[in-house]
Amino acid sequence: MQIMNTRWKPSVTVAAIIERDGRYLLVEEETPEGLRLNNPAGHLDPGESPAQGVVRETLEETAHAFAPTALVGIYLSRFLRESTGEDVTYLRFAFCGELGAFDPERRLDTGIVRTLWMTPDELRASADRHRSPLVLRCIEDHLAGRRLPLDAVTTDLTVFRAR
């Protein structure tokens, strides 16, 4: 039996599941695997709650304000990058909510090429272009009506203390 010297740490991410008139807001982004579709999403930063993180990431990637109203789900997935052998496990908190004002002066985050709206059928047909299987899974769960209250995720006040 091999003893591990390092603690396993999944990467915590947040994602916004935003629907309007039967279409979902996505971003097209540059990745090592090429141009991919993703929900507005990114890594949780130190000192923020998952709800705060999804607000920030949505603004950075879409130039829109976002107000989370419910938790769609918490997802655990694993990604093996063939080109480098990188093995990463992601813990994703997906929130739905209301899309707010657009800031036309704001530049999209590095790597984000554009935003686009797609129907569920268009998303299903483009699964080979998704950044991960969670892109469609979160939308399918949203379509199925999965909603948990925001307070299902508790962020202890210690998270907000200065270092």
N, C-alpha and C. Protein backbone atom coordinates (compact mmCIF):
# COMPACT_ATOMS: atom_id res chain seq x y z
N MET A 1 0.84 -1.18 0.00
CA MET A 1 0.00 0.00 0.00
C MET A 1 0.88 1.24 0.00
N GLN A 2 0.55 2.20 -0.87
CA GLN A 2 1.33 3.43 -0.98
C GLN A 2 0.74 4.49 -0.05
N ILE A 3 1.60 5.17 0.68
CA ILE A 3 1.16 6.24 1.59
C ILE A 3 1.26 7.57 0.86
N MET A 4 0.16 8.32 0.89
CA MET A 4 0.16 9.63 0.23
C MET A 4 0.71 10.68 1.19
N ASN A 5 1.60 11.52 0.68
CA ASN A 5 2.22 12.57 1.49
C ASN A 5 1.48 13.89 1.37
N THR A 6 0.57 14.00 0.43
CA THR A 6 -0.16 15.25 0.26
C THR A 6 -1.65 14.99 0.43
N ARG A 7 -2.33 15.99 0.90
CA ARG A 7 -3.77 15.88 1.09
C ARG A 7 -4.47 16.16 -0.24
N TRP A 8 -5.45 15.35 -0.56
CA TRP A 8 -6.25 15.55 -1.76
C TRP A 8 -7.14 16.77 -1.57
N LYS A 9 -7.13 17.67 -2.54
CA LYS A 9 -7.92 18.90 -2.43
C LYS A 9 -8.66 19.14 -3.75
N PRO A 10 -9.96 18.88 -3.75
CA PRO A 10 -10.71 19.19 -4.97
C PRO A 10 -10.74 20.70 -5.21
N SER A 11 -10.84 21.08 -6.46
CA SER A 11 -10.97 22.48 -6.83
C SER A 11 -12.43 22.89 -6.71
N VAL A 12 -12.71 23.91 -5.93
CA VAL A 12 -14.08 24.36 -5.72
C VAL A 12 -14.43 25.39 -6.78
N THR A 13 -15.54 25.15 -7.49
CA THR A 13 -15.99 26.07 -8.52
C THR A 13 -17.45 26.45 -8.28
N VAL A 14 -17.84 27.53 -8.91
CA VAL A 14 -19.22 28.01 -8.86
C VAL A 14 -19.70 28.22 -10.29
N ALA A 15 -20.99 28.02 -10.53
CA ALA A 15 -21.54 28.18 -11.87
C ALA A 15 -22.92 28.83 -11.79
N ALA A 16 -23.21 29.65 -12.80
CA ALA A 16 -24.52 30.30 -12.90
C ALA A 16 -25.34 29.61 -13.99
N ILE A 17 -26.54 29.20 -13.63
CA ILE A 17 -27.47 28.59 -14.57
C ILE A 17 -28.56 29.62 -14.82
N ILE A 18 -28.47 30.28 -15.97
CA ILE A 18 -29.31 31.44 -16.25
C ILE A 18 -30.19 31.16 -17.46
N GLU A 19 -31.50 31.17 -17.24
CA GLU A 19 -32.47 30.90 -18.29
C GLU A 19 -33.30 32.14 -18.55
N ARG A 20 -33.55 32.40 -19.81
CA ARG A 20 -34.44 33.49 -20.20
C ARG A 20 -35.15 33.08 -21.49
N ASP A 21 -36.46 33.09 -21.44
CA ASP A 21 -37.27 32.78 -22.63
C ASP A 21 -36.89 31.44 -23.26
N GLY A 22 -36.62 30.43 -22.44
CA GLY A 22 -36.34 29.10 -22.95
C GLY A 22 -34.92 28.89 -23.44
N ARG A 23 -34.06 29.87 -23.23
CA ARG A 23 -32.65 29.76 -23.64
C ARG A 23 -31.76 29.95 -22.42
N TYR A 24 -30.58 29.35 -22.48
CA TYR A 24 -29.62 29.43 -21.38
C TYR A 24 -28.39 30.23 -21.80
N LEU A 25 -27.91 31.04 -20.88
CA LEU A 25 -26.72 31.87 -21.12
C LEU A 25 -25.47 31.02 -20.93
N LEU A 26 -24.62 31.02 -21.95
CA LEU A 26 -23.36 30.28 -21.92
C LEU A 26 -22.23 31.21 -22.31
N VAL A 27 -21.02 30.76 -22.03
CA VAL A 27 -19.84 31.46 -22.53
C VAL A 27 -19.09 30.50 -23.43
N GLU A 28 -18.45 31.07 -24.44
CA GLU A 28 -17.54 30.30 -25.29
C GLU A 28 -16.15 30.74 -24.87
N GLU A 29 -15.32 29.76 -24.50
CA GLU A 29 -14.02 30.10 -23.94
C GLU A 29 -12.90 29.26 -24.53
N GLU A 30 -11.71 29.87 -24.54
CA GLU A 30 -10.52 29.17 -24.99
C GLU A 30 -10.01 28.27 -23.87
N THR A 31 -9.74 27.01 -24.20
CA THR A 31 -9.21 26.05 -23.24
C THR A 31 -8.05 25.31 -23.91
N PRO A 32 -7.24 24.58 -23.14
CA PRO A 32 -6.19 23.76 -23.76
C PRO A 32 -6.74 22.74 -24.75
N GLU A 33 -8.03 22.38 -24.61
CA GLU A 33 -8.68 21.44 -25.53
C GLU A 33 -9.35 22.14 -26.70
N GLY A 34 -9.20 23.45 -26.82
CA GLY A 34 -9.82 24.21 -27.89
C GLY A 34 -10.98 25.06 -27.38
N LEU A 35 -11.74 25.62 -28.30
CA LEU A 35 -12.87 26.48 -27.96
C LEU A 35 -14.00 25.61 -27.39
N ARG A 36 -14.46 25.95 -26.18
CA ARG A 36 -15.47 25.14 -25.50
C ARG A 36 -16.60 26.01 -24.97
N LEU A 37 -17.76 25.38 -24.77
CA LEU A 37 -18.92 26.04 -24.17
C LEU A 37 -18.98 25.70 -22.69
N ASN A 38 -19.36 26.69 -21.89
CA ASN A 38 -19.47 26.49 -20.45
C ASN A 38 -20.57 27.39 -19.90
N ASN A 39 -21.09 27.01 -18.75
CA ASN A 39 -21.92 27.94 -18.00
C ASN A 39 -20.98 29.04 -17.51
N PRO A 40 -21.47 30.24 -17.25
CA PRO A 40 -20.60 31.21 -16.58
C PRO A 40 -20.13 30.58 -15.26
N ALA A 41 -18.83 30.38 -15.12
CA ALA A 41 -18.33 29.60 -13.99
C ALA A 41 -16.86 29.91 -13.74
N GLY A 42 -16.42 29.56 -12.54
CA GLY A 42 -15.00 29.73 -12.22
C GLY A 42 -14.71 29.28 -10.81
N HIS A 43 -13.48 29.48 -10.43
CA HIS A 43 -13.02 29.03 -9.11
C HIS A 43 -13.47 29.97 -8.00
N LEU A 44 -13.79 29.38 -6.87
CA LEU A 44 -14.11 30.15 -5.67
C LEU A 44 -12.83 30.78 -5.17
N ASP A 45 -12.87 32.06 -4.85
CA ASP A 45 -11.71 32.79 -4.34
C ASP A 45 -11.69 32.78 -2.82
N PRO A 46 -10.51 32.91 -2.22
CA PRO A 46 -10.44 33.00 -0.76
C PRO A 46 -11.26 34.19 -0.25
N GLY A 47 -11.92 34.00 0.88
CA GLY A 47 -12.67 35.09 1.52
C GLY A 47 -14.04 35.36 0.94
N GLU A 48 -14.56 34.45 0.12
CA GLU A 48 -15.91 34.67 -0.41
C GLU A 48 -16.75 33.41 -0.25
N SER A 49 -18.04 33.61 -0.14
CA SER A 49 -18.97 32.49 -0.07
C SER A 49 -19.22 31.99 -1.49
N PRO A 50 -19.75 30.78 -1.65
CA PRO A 50 -20.10 30.33 -3.01
C PRO A 50 -21.08 31.28 -3.72
N ALA A 51 -22.04 31.83 -2.99
CA ALA A 51 -22.99 32.77 -3.62
C ALA A 51 -22.27 34.04 -4.08
N GLN A 52 -21.34 34.54 -3.29
CA GLN A 52 -20.56 35.71 -3.70
C GLN A 52 -19.69 35.38 -4.91
N GLY A 53 -19.12 34.19 -4.90
CA GLY A 53 -18.25 33.77 -6.00
C GLY A 53 -18.99 33.70 -7.32
N VAL A 54 -20.22 33.18 -7.32
CA VAL A 54 -20.96 33.07 -8.57
C VAL A 54 -21.38 34.45 -9.09
N VAL A 55 -21.64 35.38 -8.19
CA VAL A 55 -21.94 36.76 -8.61
C VAL A 55 -20.72 37.36 -9.31
N ARG A 56 -19.55 37.20 -8.69
CA ARG A 56 -18.30 37.74 -9.26
C ARG A 56 -17.98 37.08 -10.60
N GLU A 57 -18.03 35.74 -10.64
CA GLU A 57 -17.68 35.04 -11.88
C GLU A 57 -18.63 35.39 -13.03
N THR A 58 -19.91 35.52 -12.74
CA THR A 58 -20.87 35.88 -13.79
C THR A 58 -20.55 37.27 -14.34
N LEU A 59 -20.25 38.20 -13.47
CA LEU A 59 -19.88 39.55 -13.92
C LEU A 59 -18.61 39.51 -14.77
N GLU A 60 -17.61 38.78 -14.30
CA GLU A 60 -16.33 38.72 -15.03
C GLU A 60 -16.47 38.07 -16.40
N GLU A 61 -17.32 37.06 -16.50
CA GLU A 61 -17.40 36.30 -17.75
C GLU A 61 -18.49 36.76 -18.71
N THR A 62 -19.49 37.50 -18.20
CA THR A 62 -20.59 37.93 -19.08
C THR A 62 -20.82 39.43 -19.10
N ALA A 63 -20.21 40.16 -18.17
CA ALA A 63 -20.42 41.61 -18.00
C ALA A 63 -21.85 41.92 -17.53
N HIS A 64 -22.52 40.93 -16.95
CA HIS A 64 -23.86 41.10 -16.39
C HIS A 64 -23.82 40.92 -14.88
N ALA A 65 -24.62 41.70 -14.20
CA ALA A 65 -24.85 41.46 -12.78
C ALA A 65 -25.67 40.18 -12.66
N PHE A 66 -25.57 39.52 -11.52
CA PHE A 66 -26.31 38.28 -11.29
C PHE A 66 -26.70 38.21 -9.83
N ALA A 67 -27.96 37.83 -9.57
CA ALA A 67 -28.45 37.66 -8.21
C ALA A 67 -28.94 36.22 -8.05
N PRO A 68 -28.17 35.38 -7.34
CA PRO A 68 -28.61 34.00 -7.15
C PRO A 68 -29.89 33.93 -6.32
N THR A 69 -30.80 33.04 -6.73
CA THR A 69 -32.06 32.87 -6.01
C THR A 69 -32.20 31.47 -5.43
N ALA A 70 -31.46 30.49 -5.96
CA ALA A 70 -31.54 29.11 -5.47
C ALA A 70 -30.29 28.35 -5.87
N LEU A 71 -30.05 27.28 -5.14
CA LEU A 71 -28.97 26.35 -5.46
C LEU A 71 -29.58 25.22 -6.30
N VAL A 72 -29.04 25.02 -7.49
CA VAL A 72 -29.53 23.94 -8.35
C VAL A 72 -28.94 22.61 -7.89
N GLY A 73 -27.68 22.63 -7.49
CA GLY A 73 -27.07 21.40 -7.02
C GLY A 73 -25.60 21.56 -6.71
N ILE A 74 -25.05 20.53 -6.10
CA ILE A 74 -23.62 20.45 -5.80
C ILE A 74 -23.13 19.20 -6.51
N TYR A 75 -22.07 19.36 -7.29
CA TYR A 75 -21.62 18.30 -8.19
C TYR A 75 -20.14 18.00 -7.97
N LEU A 76 -19.79 16.73 -8.02
CA LEU A 76 -18.41 16.30 -7.93
C LEU A 76 -18.06 15.63 -9.24
N SER A 77 -16.98 16.10 -9.89
CA SER A 77 -16.57 15.50 -11.16
C SER A 77 -15.05 15.46 -11.24
N ARG A 78 -14.58 14.67 -12.16
CA ARG A 78 -13.13 14.49 -12.33
C ARG A 78 -12.77 14.72 -13.78
N PHE A 79 -11.66 15.40 -13.99
CA PHE A 79 -11.20 15.69 -15.35
C PHE A 79 -9.76 15.22 -15.51
N LEU A 80 -9.53 14.43 -16.53
CA LEU A 80 -8.18 13.96 -16.86
C LEU A 80 -7.77 14.62 -18.17
N ARG A 81 -6.79 15.51 -18.11
CA ARG A 81 -6.30 16.19 -19.32
C ARG A 81 -5.29 15.27 -20.00
N GLU A 82 -5.66 14.77 -21.16
CA GLU A 82 -4.82 13.81 -21.87
C GLU A 82 -3.46 14.39 -22.26
N SER A 83 -3.43 15.66 -22.66
CA SER A 83 -2.18 16.24 -23.15
C SER A 83 -1.10 16.36 -22.07
N THR A 84 -1.50 16.54 -20.81
CA THR A 84 -0.53 16.74 -19.74
C THR A 84 -0.58 15.69 -18.64
N GLY A 85 -1.63 14.88 -18.64
CA GLY A 85 -1.80 13.90 -17.58
C GLY A 85 -2.38 14.51 -16.30
N GLU A 86 -2.75 15.79 -16.34
CA GLU A 86 -3.32 16.46 -15.18
C GLU A 86 -4.62 15.76 -14.77
N ASP A 87 -4.79 15.53 -13.48
CA ASP A 87 -5.95 14.85 -12.93
C ASP A 87 -6.56 15.75 -11.86
N VAL A 88 -7.71 16.35 -12.16
CA VAL A 88 -8.32 17.32 -11.26
C VAL A 88 -9.75 16.90 -10.92
N THR A 89 -10.09 16.98 -9.65
CA THR A 89 -11.45 16.76 -9.21
C THR A 89 -12.07 18.12 -8.89
N TYR A 90 -13.27 18.35 -9.40
CA TYR A 90 -13.97 19.61 -9.18
C TYR A 90 -15.19 19.39 -8.29
N LEU A 91 -15.41 20.31 -7.38
CA LEU A 91 -16.61 20.38 -6.57
C LEU A 91 -17.33 21.65 -7.00
N ARG A 92 -18.46 21.51 -7.70
CA ARG A 92 -19.16 22.65 -8.29
C ARG A 92 -20.46 22.94 -7.55
N PHE A 93 -20.64 24.22 -7.22
CA PHE A 93 -21.90 24.73 -6.68
C PHE A 93 -22.58 25.48 -7.82
N ALA A 94 -23.74 24.99 -8.26
CA ALA A 94 -24.45 25.63 -9.36
C ALA A 94 -25.68 26.36 -8.82
N PHE A 95 -25.78 27.63 -9.18
CA PHE A 95 -26.87 28.49 -8.72
C PHE A 95 -27.68 28.98 -9.91
N CYS A 96 -28.99 29.08 -9.73
CA CYS A 96 -29.82 29.79 -10.70
C CYS A 96 -30.19 31.13 -10.08
N GLY A 97 -30.67 32.03 -10.92
CA GLY A 97 -31.01 33.35 -10.40
C GLY A 97 -31.40 34.30 -11.49
N GLU A 98 -31.36 35.56 -11.13
CA GLU A 98 -31.81 36.63 -12.02
C GLU A 98 -30.61 37.34 -12.64
N LEU A 99 -30.64 37.47 -13.95
CA LEU A 99 -29.61 38.21 -14.66
C LEU A 99 -29.92 39.69 -14.55
N GLY A 100 -28.93 40.46 -14.16
CA GLY A 100 -29.12 41.89 -13.97
C GLY A 100 -28.58 42.71 -15.12
N ALA A 101 -28.25 43.94 -14.81
CA ALA A 101 -27.82 44.91 -15.82
C ALA A 101 -26.52 44.48 -16.50
N PHE A 102 -26.41 44.85 -17.77
CA PHE A 102 -25.22 44.62 -18.58
C PHE A 102 -24.34 45.85 -18.51
N ASP A 103 -23.05 45.66 -18.34
CA ASP A 103 -22.08 46.76 -18.31
C ASP A 103 -21.33 46.77 -19.64
N PRO A 104 -21.72 47.63 -20.59
CA PRO A 104 -21.10 47.62 -21.91
C PRO A 104 -19.63 48.03 -21.90
N GLU A 105 -19.17 48.66 -20.83
CA GLU A 105 -17.77 49.09 -20.73
C GLU A 105 -16.86 47.99 -20.20
N ARG A 106 -17.43 46.96 -19.65
CA ARG A 106 -16.64 45.90 -19.01
C ARG A 106 -16.12 44.91 -20.04
N ARG A 107 -14.84 44.60 -19.94
CA ARG A 107 -14.23 43.58 -20.81
C ARG A 107 -14.48 42.21 -20.21
N LEU A 108 -14.69 41.23 -21.06
CA LEU A 108 -14.89 39.87 -20.58
C LEU A 108 -13.57 39.30 -20.09
N ASP A 109 -13.65 38.38 -19.14
CA ASP A 109 -12.48 37.75 -18.53
C ASP A 109 -11.57 37.14 -19.60
N THR A 110 -10.29 37.04 -19.29
CA THR A 110 -9.31 36.44 -20.20
C THR A 110 -9.76 35.05 -20.60
N GLY A 111 -9.73 34.78 -21.90
CA GLY A 111 -10.12 33.47 -22.41
C GLY A 111 -11.56 33.38 -22.85
N ILE A 112 -12.41 34.30 -22.38
CA ILE A 112 -13.82 34.27 -22.79
C ILE A 112 -13.92 34.98 -24.15
N VAL A 113 -14.41 34.26 -25.15
CA VAL A 113 -14.51 34.80 -26.50
C VAL A 113 -15.82 35.56 -26.68
N ARG A 114 -16.91 34.98 -26.15
CA ARG A 114 -18.22 35.61 -26.30
C ARG A 114 -19.23 34.92 -25.39
N THR A 115 -20.38 35.57 -25.25
CA THR A 115 -21.52 34.95 -24.57
C THR A 115 -22.55 34.58 -25.65
N LEU A 116 -23.37 33.59 -25.35
CA LEU A 116 -24.42 33.22 -26.29
C LEU A 116 -25.56 32.55 -25.54
N TRP A 117 -26.73 32.59 -26.15
CA TRP A 117 -27.94 31.98 -25.59
C TRP A 117 -28.27 30.77 -26.43
N MET A 118 -28.53 29.63 -25.76
CA MET A 118 -28.83 28.39 -26.47
C MET A 118 -30.05 27.71 -25.85
N THR A 119 -30.82 27.04 -26.70
CA THR A 119 -31.95 26.25 -26.22
C THR A 119 -31.41 24.94 -25.64
N PRO A 120 -32.22 24.26 -24.82
CA PRO A 120 -31.78 22.95 -24.34
C PRO A 120 -31.45 21.98 -25.48
N ASP A 121 -32.23 21.98 -26.55
CA ASP A 121 -31.94 21.08 -27.67
C ASP A 121 -30.61 21.44 -28.34
N GLU A 122 -30.33 22.73 -28.48
CA GLU A 122 -29.04 23.14 -29.06
C GLU A 122 -27.89 22.70 -28.15
N LEU A 123 -28.10 22.81 -26.84
CA LEU A 123 -27.08 22.37 -25.89
C LEU A 123 -26.84 20.87 -25.97
N ARG A 124 -27.92 20.11 -26.03
CA ARG A 124 -27.77 18.65 -26.13
C ARG A 124 -27.03 18.27 -27.41
N ALA A 125 -27.31 18.97 -28.51
CA ALA A 125 -26.69 18.67 -29.80
C ALA A 125 -25.21 19.08 -29.85
N SER A 126 -24.79 19.94 -28.93
CA SER A 126 -23.40 20.42 -28.95
C SER A 126 -22.58 19.86 -27.79
N ALA A 127 -23.00 18.74 -27.22
CA ALA A 127 -22.33 18.19 -26.04
C ALA A 127 -20.84 17.95 -26.25
N ASP A 128 -20.42 17.66 -27.48
CA ASP A 128 -19.00 17.43 -27.74
C ASP A 128 -18.17 18.70 -27.61
N ARG A 129 -18.81 19.85 -27.55
CA ARG A 129 -18.10 21.13 -27.39
C ARG A 129 -18.16 21.67 -25.96
N HIS A 130 -18.78 20.94 -25.04
CA HIS A 130 -18.92 21.40 -23.66
C HIS A 130 -17.59 21.26 -22.92
N ARG A 131 -17.33 22.19 -22.03
CA ARG A 131 -16.11 22.16 -21.22
C ARG A 131 -16.08 20.93 -20.32
N SER A 132 -17.25 20.53 -19.84
CA SER A 132 -17.36 19.32 -19.02
C SER A 132 -18.79 18.80 -19.13
N PRO A 133 -19.01 17.56 -18.69
CA PRO A 133 -20.38 17.02 -18.70
C PRO A 133 -21.31 17.80 -17.76
N LEU A 134 -20.75 18.56 -16.83
CA LEU A 134 -21.58 19.31 -15.88
C LEU A 134 -22.33 20.46 -16.54
N VAL A 135 -21.86 20.95 -17.68
CA VAL A 135 -22.55 22.04 -18.38
C VAL A 135 -24.00 21.64 -18.63
N LEU A 136 -24.18 20.51 -19.28
CA LEU A 136 -25.53 20.05 -19.60
C LEU A 136 -26.24 19.49 -18.37
N ARG A 137 -25.52 18.79 -17.51
CA ARG A 137 -26.14 18.19 -16.31
C ARG A 137 -26.82 19.26 -15.45
N CYS A 138 -26.14 20.39 -15.24
CA CYS A 138 -26.73 21.46 -14.42
C CYS A 138 -27.98 22.03 -15.08
N ILE A 139 -27.95 22.17 -16.40
CA ILE A 139 -29.11 22.70 -17.11
C ILE A 139 -30.27 21.70 -17.08
N GLU A 140 -29.96 20.41 -17.25
CA GLU A 140 -31.01 19.38 -17.16
C GLU A 140 -31.64 19.39 -15.76
N ASP A 141 -30.81 19.54 -14.72
CA ASP A 141 -31.35 19.60 -13.36
C ASP A 141 -32.22 20.85 -13.17
N HIS A 142 -31.81 21.97 -13.76
CA HIS A 142 -32.61 23.19 -13.70
C HIS A 142 -33.94 22.98 -14.40
N LEU A 143 -33.90 22.37 -15.59
CA LEU A 143 -35.14 22.09 -16.33
C LEU A 143 -36.07 21.17 -15.56
N ALA A 144 -35.48 20.25 -14.78
CA ALA A 144 -36.28 19.31 -13.98
C ALA A 144 -36.85 19.95 -12.72
N GLY A 145 -36.50 21.22 -12.48
CA GLY A 145 -37.05 21.94 -11.34
C GLY A 145 -36.27 21.81 -10.04
N ARG A 146 -35.04 21.31 -10.11
CA ARG A 146 -34.24 21.17 -8.89
C ARG A 146 -33.89 22.55 -8.34
N ARG A 147 -34.31 22.81 -7.12
CA ARG A 147 -34.02 24.07 -6.45
C ARG A 147 -33.87 23.80 -4.97
N LEU A 148 -32.78 24.24 -4.42
CA LEU A 148 -32.56 24.19 -2.98
C LEU A 148 -32.44 25.62 -2.50
N PRO A 149 -32.83 25.88 -1.25
CA PRO A 149 -32.70 27.25 -0.75
C PRO A 149 -31.23 27.66 -0.67
N LEU A 150 -30.99 28.95 -0.83
CA LEU A 150 -29.62 29.46 -0.76
C LEU A 150 -28.96 29.11 0.57
N ASP A 151 -29.75 29.06 1.64
CA ASP A 151 -29.14 28.77 2.94
C ASP A 151 -28.81 27.29 3.12
N ALA A 152 -28.97 26.48 2.05
CA ALA A 152 -28.49 25.10 2.10
C ALA A 152 -26.96 25.07 2.15
N VAL A 153 -26.35 26.18 1.73
CA VAL A 153 -24.89 26.32 1.81
C VAL A 153 -24.59 27.36 2.88
N THR A 154 -23.93 26.93 3.92
CA THR A 154 -23.57 27.83 5.01
C THR A 154 -22.10 28.20 4.89
N THR A 155 -21.82 29.48 4.93
CA THR A 155 -20.44 29.95 4.95
C THR A 155 -20.17 30.53 6.32
N ASP A 156 -19.29 29.88 7.05
CA ASP A 156 -18.95 30.32 8.39
C ASP A 156 -18.24 31.68 8.33
N LEU A 157 -18.44 32.50 9.35
CA LEU A 157 -17.83 33.84 9.38
C LEU A 157 -16.30 33.79 9.35
N THR A 158 -15.72 32.66 9.74
CA THR A 158 -14.25 32.56 9.68
C THR A 158 -13.71 32.73 8.28
N VAL A 159 -14.53 32.45 7.27
CA VAL A 159 -14.10 32.60 5.88
C VAL A 159 -13.78 34.07 5.57
N PHE A 160 -14.50 34.98 6.20
CA PHE A 160 -14.38 36.40 5.88
C PHE A 160 -13.33 37.13 6.72
N ARG A 161 -12.73 36.46 7.66
CA ARG A 161 -11.72 37.10 8.51
C ARG A 161 -10.45 37.38 7.72
N ALA A 162 -9.83 38.52 8.04
CA ALA A 162 -8.57 38.87 7.38
C ALA A 162 -7.51 37.85 7.75
N ARG A 163 -6.63 37.62 6.85
CA ARG A 163 -5.54 36.64 7.09
C ARG A 163 -4.41 37.26 7.84
